[in-house]
Structure formats: structure tokens, C-alpha cells
């Protein structure tokens, strides 16, 4: 798992991108999306997604070399995104979904 963690991270971003795209298609209105922002399960998802963007963009070998030690510092934001994703999922399911969210979120 450690050897493939960068690929898993990029795949996670791909899932988050699809999830966000389907959410936006489902809402079909910017007004509806903005009106839902104060909800905990919405803003935690958006903040996690925003954190994922620079992580995914800098996950290619070029940026690993170019950023040097800063790359590792940037990639540590993965932990914040993971916690926000966990809160996003659990809050969306009225906190009854914390156990399934932990099973999916935590590594084997």
C-alpha cells in the first residue's frame, strides 16, 4: 500500500471529482449549491475537495522533484482532507454513518 499511495491518492481525487460533478448536476442550480453551503456535511466536503486539488496536481514526478521538501509538506494536507471527508460522510448520515465511514477511510 505504501508503494502505491500516490496512485491511490490520485484515484481518490478522481472519485471526489466525479462525486462533486454529480452533486452539481443533481442540484442544477448555483443558487441551490450556495444555499446549502452552511450545512456541515456540505462545507466539509467542499473544503476537502479544495484541499485535494493541489494535492492531485502536484502528484506527478515533475512536481515531486521541483518542490523538493515542500512537496512532502503539501502532501501532509491529505490528513486534513481525510478528516474532513470522514466528517462529511458521518454528518451526511446524521452521525449514524461514522462506523462505515471509518471502515472505508482507515487503511487496512
C-alpha atoms as a PDB file:
ATOM      1  CA  UNK A   1       0.000   0.000   0.000  1.00  0.00           C
ATOM      2  CA  UNK A   2       2.837   2.390   0.817  1.00  0.00           C
ATOM      3  CA  UNK A   3       4.336   1.868  -2.644  1.00  0.00           C
ATOM      4  CA  UNK A   4       1.083   2.781  -4.390  1.00  0.00           C
ATOM      5  CA  UNK A   5      -0.188   5.536  -2.110  1.00  0.00           C
ATOM      6  CA  UNK A   6       0.302   8.265  -4.709  1.00  0.00           C
ATOM      7  CA  UNK A   7      -1.860   6.326  -7.185  1.00  0.00           C
ATOM      8  CA  UNK A   8      -4.476   5.745  -4.500  1.00  0.00           C
ATOM      9  CA  UNK A   9      -4.483   9.463  -3.722  1.00  0.00           C
ATOM     10  CA  UNK A  10      -4.967  10.422  -7.354  1.00  0.00           C
ATOM     11  CA  UNK A  11      -7.723   7.810  -7.647  1.00  0.00           C
ATOM     12  CA  UNK A  12      -9.348   9.305  -4.541  1.00  0.00           C
ATOM     13  CA  UNK A  13      -9.249  12.706  -6.191  1.00  0.00           C
ATOM     14  CA  UNK A  14     -10.839  11.218  -9.298  1.00  0.00           C
ATOM     15  CA  UNK A  15     -13.642   9.831  -7.163  1.00  0.00           C
ATOM     16  CA  UNK A  16     -14.062  13.186  -5.399  1.00  0.00           C
ATOM     17  CA  UNK A  17     -14.157  14.974  -8.764  1.00  0.00           C
ATOM     18  CA  UNK A  18     -16.869  12.634 -10.062  1.00  0.00           C
ATOM     19  CA  UNK A  19     -18.779  12.911  -6.792  1.00  0.00           C
ATOM     20  CA  UNK A  20     -18.663  16.712  -6.992  1.00  0.00           C
ATOM     21  CA  UNK A  21     -19.665  16.735 -10.665  1.00  0.00           C
ATOM     22  CA  UNK A  22     -22.693  14.529  -9.982  1.00  0.00           C
ATOM     23  CA  UNK A  23     -23.628  16.678  -6.983  1.00  0.00           C
ATOM     24  CA  UNK A  24     -23.540  19.801  -9.136  1.00  0.00           C
ATOM     25  CA  UNK A  25     -25.527  18.099 -11.906  1.00  0.00           C
ATOM     26  CA  UNK A  26     -28.098  16.930  -9.373  1.00  0.00           C
ATOM     27  CA  UNK A  27     -28.549  20.406  -7.907  1.00  0.00           C
ATOM     28  CA  UNK A  28     -28.567  22.038 -11.377  1.00  0.00           C
ATOM     29  CA  UNK A  29     -28.577  25.499  -9.814  1.00  0.00           C
ATOM     30  CA  UNK A  30     -25.808  27.614  -8.370  1.00  0.00           C
ATOM     31  CA  UNK A  31     -28.348  29.185  -6.006  1.00  0.00           C
ATOM     32  CA  UNK A  32     -29.183  25.786  -4.512  1.00  0.00           C
ATOM     33  CA  UNK A  33     -25.497  24.948  -4.075  1.00  0.00           C
ATOM     34  CA  UNK A  34     -24.796  28.283  -2.347  1.00  0.00           C
ATOM     35  CA  UNK A  35     -27.878  27.934  -0.133  1.00  0.00           C
ATOM     36  CA  UNK A  36     -26.613  24.548   1.109  1.00  0.00           C
ATOM     37  CA  UNK A  37     -23.093  25.774   1.968  1.00  0.00           C
ATOM     38  CA  UNK A  38     -23.780  26.468   5.666  1.00  0.00           C
ATOM     39  CA  UNK A  39     -24.635  22.794   6.255  1.00  0.00           C
ATOM     40  CA  UNK A  40     -21.777  20.942   7.947  1.00  0.00           C
ATOM     41  CA  UNK A  41     -21.842  17.997   5.577  1.00  0.00           C
ATOM     42  CA  UNK A  42     -21.653  20.323   2.563  1.00  0.00           C
ATOM     43  CA  UNK A  43     -18.874  22.711   3.556  1.00  0.00           C
ATOM     44  CA  UNK A  44     -16.669  19.908   4.897  1.00  0.00           C
ATOM     45  CA  UNK A  45     -16.985  18.182   1.526  1.00  0.00           C
ATOM     46  CA  UNK A  46     -16.119  21.358  -0.366  1.00  0.00           C
ATOM     47  CA  UNK A  47     -13.112  22.160   1.830  1.00  0.00           C
ATOM     48  CA  UNK A  48     -11.818  18.578   1.474  1.00  0.00           C
ATOM     49  CA  UNK A  49     -12.256  18.801  -2.305  1.00  0.00           C
ATOM     50  CA  UNK A  50     -10.409  22.132  -2.452  1.00  0.00           C
ATOM     51  CA  UNK A  51      -7.545  20.587  -0.464  1.00  0.00           C
ATOM     52  CA  UNK A  52      -7.465  17.636  -2.868  1.00  0.00           C
ATOM     53  CA  UNK A  53      -6.946  19.848  -5.946  1.00  0.00           C
ATOM     54  CA  UNK A  54      -3.341  20.982  -5.295  1.00  0.00           C
ATOM     55  CA  UNK A  55      -2.511  17.535  -3.916  1.00  0.00           C
ATOM     56  CA  UNK A  56      -3.623  15.854  -7.130  1.00  0.00           C
ATOM     57  CA  UNK A  57      -1.977  18.456  -9.365  1.00  0.00           C
ATOM     58  CA  UNK A  58       1.393  18.062  -7.635  1.00  0.00           C
ATOM     59  CA  UNK A  59       1.358  14.263  -7.528  1.00  0.00           C
ATOM     60  CA  UNK A  60       3.355  13.833 -10.733  1.00  0.00           C
ATOM     61  CA  UNK A  61       7.096  13.133 -10.584  1.00  0.00           C
ATOM     62  CA  UNK A  62       7.920  16.559 -12.017  1.00  0.00           C
ATOM     63  CA  UNK A  63       6.409  18.354  -9.007  1.00  0.00           C
ATOM     64  CA  UNK A  64       7.909  15.886  -6.545  1.00  0.00           C
ATOM     65  CA  UNK A  65      11.360  16.888  -7.861  1.00  0.00           C
ATOM     66  CA  UNK A  66      10.558  20.583  -8.347  1.00  0.00           C
ATOM     67  CA  UNK A  67       9.027  21.165  -4.909  1.00  0.00           C
ATOM     68  CA  UNK A  68      11.590  19.100  -3.012  1.00  0.00           C
ATOM     69  CA  UNK A  69      10.802  19.016   0.710  1.00  0.00           C
ATOM     70  CA  UNK A  70       7.826  21.350   0.196  1.00  0.00           C
ATOM     71  CA  UNK A  71       6.101  18.538  -1.697  1.00  0.00           C
ATOM     72  CA  UNK A  72       6.012  16.398   1.418  1.00  0.00           C
ATOM     73  CA  UNK A  73       4.701  19.335   3.478  1.00  0.00           C
ATOM     74  CA  UNK A  74       1.947  19.924   0.915  1.00  0.00           C
ATOM     75  CA  UNK A  75       1.022  16.245   0.770  1.00  0.00           C
ATOM     76  CA  UNK A  76       0.526  16.190   4.536  1.00  0.00           C
ATOM     77  CA  UNK A  77      -2.677  18.151   3.923  1.00  0.00           C
ATOM     78  CA  UNK A  78      -4.057  14.739   2.952  1.00  0.00           C
ATOM     79  CA  UNK A  79      -4.714  14.112   6.641  1.00  0.00           C
ATOM     80  CA  UNK A  80      -6.889  17.221   6.951  1.00  0.00           C
ATOM     81  CA  UNK A  81      -8.788  16.241   3.800  1.00  0.00           C
ATOM     82  CA  UNK A  82      -9.294  12.722   5.173  1.00  0.00           C
ATOM     83  CA  UNK A  83     -10.726  14.026   8.457  1.00  0.00           C
ATOM     84  CA  UNK A  84     -12.999  16.452   6.609  1.00  0.00           C
ATOM     85  CA  UNK A  85     -14.158  13.627   4.321  1.00  0.00           C
ATOM     86  CA  UNK A  86     -14.938  11.481   7.348  1.00  0.00           C
ATOM     87  CA  UNK A  87     -16.956  14.312   8.932  1.00  0.00           C
ATOM     88  CA  UNK A  88     -18.660  14.944   5.568  1.00  0.00           C
ATOM     89  CA  UNK A  89     -19.809  11.336   5.371  1.00  0.00           C
ATOM     90  CA  UNK A  90     -20.814  10.960   9.020  1.00  0.00           C
ATOM     91  CA  UNK A  91     -22.710  14.281   9.146  1.00  0.00           C
ATOM     92  CA  UNK A  92     -24.492  13.455   5.898  1.00  0.00           C
ATOM     93  CA  UNK A  93     -25.829  10.293   7.532  1.00  0.00           C
ATOM     94  CA  UNK A  94     -26.891  12.038  10.762  1.00  0.00           C
ATOM     95  CA  UNK A  95     -23.827  10.660  12.564  1.00  0.00           C
ATOM     96  CA  UNK A  96     -25.139   7.094  12.181  1.00  0.00           C
ATOM     97  CA  UNK A  97     -22.659   6.574   9.372  1.00  0.00           C
ATOM     98  CA  UNK A  98     -19.476   7.087  11.371  1.00  0.00           C
ATOM     99  CA  UNK A  99     -18.629   3.371  11.620  1.00  0.00           C
ATOM    100  CA  UNK A 100     -18.988   2.648   7.875  1.00  0.00           C
ATOM    101  CA  UNK A 101     -17.102   5.860   7.120  1.00  0.00           C
ATOM    102  CA  UNK A 102     -14.233   4.743   9.371  1.00  0.00           C
ATOM    103  CA  UNK A 103     -14.131   1.322   7.705  1.00  0.00           C
ATOM    104  CA  UNK A 104     -13.782   2.960   4.272  1.00  0.00           C
ATOM    105  CA  UNK A 105     -11.450   5.756   5.392  1.00  0.00           C
ATOM    106  CA  UNK A 106      -8.934   3.906   7.544  1.00  0.00           C
ATOM    107  CA  UNK A 107      -6.219   1.836   5.855  1.00  0.00           C
ATOM    108  CA  UNK A 108      -6.272  -1.969   6.306  1.00  0.00           C
END
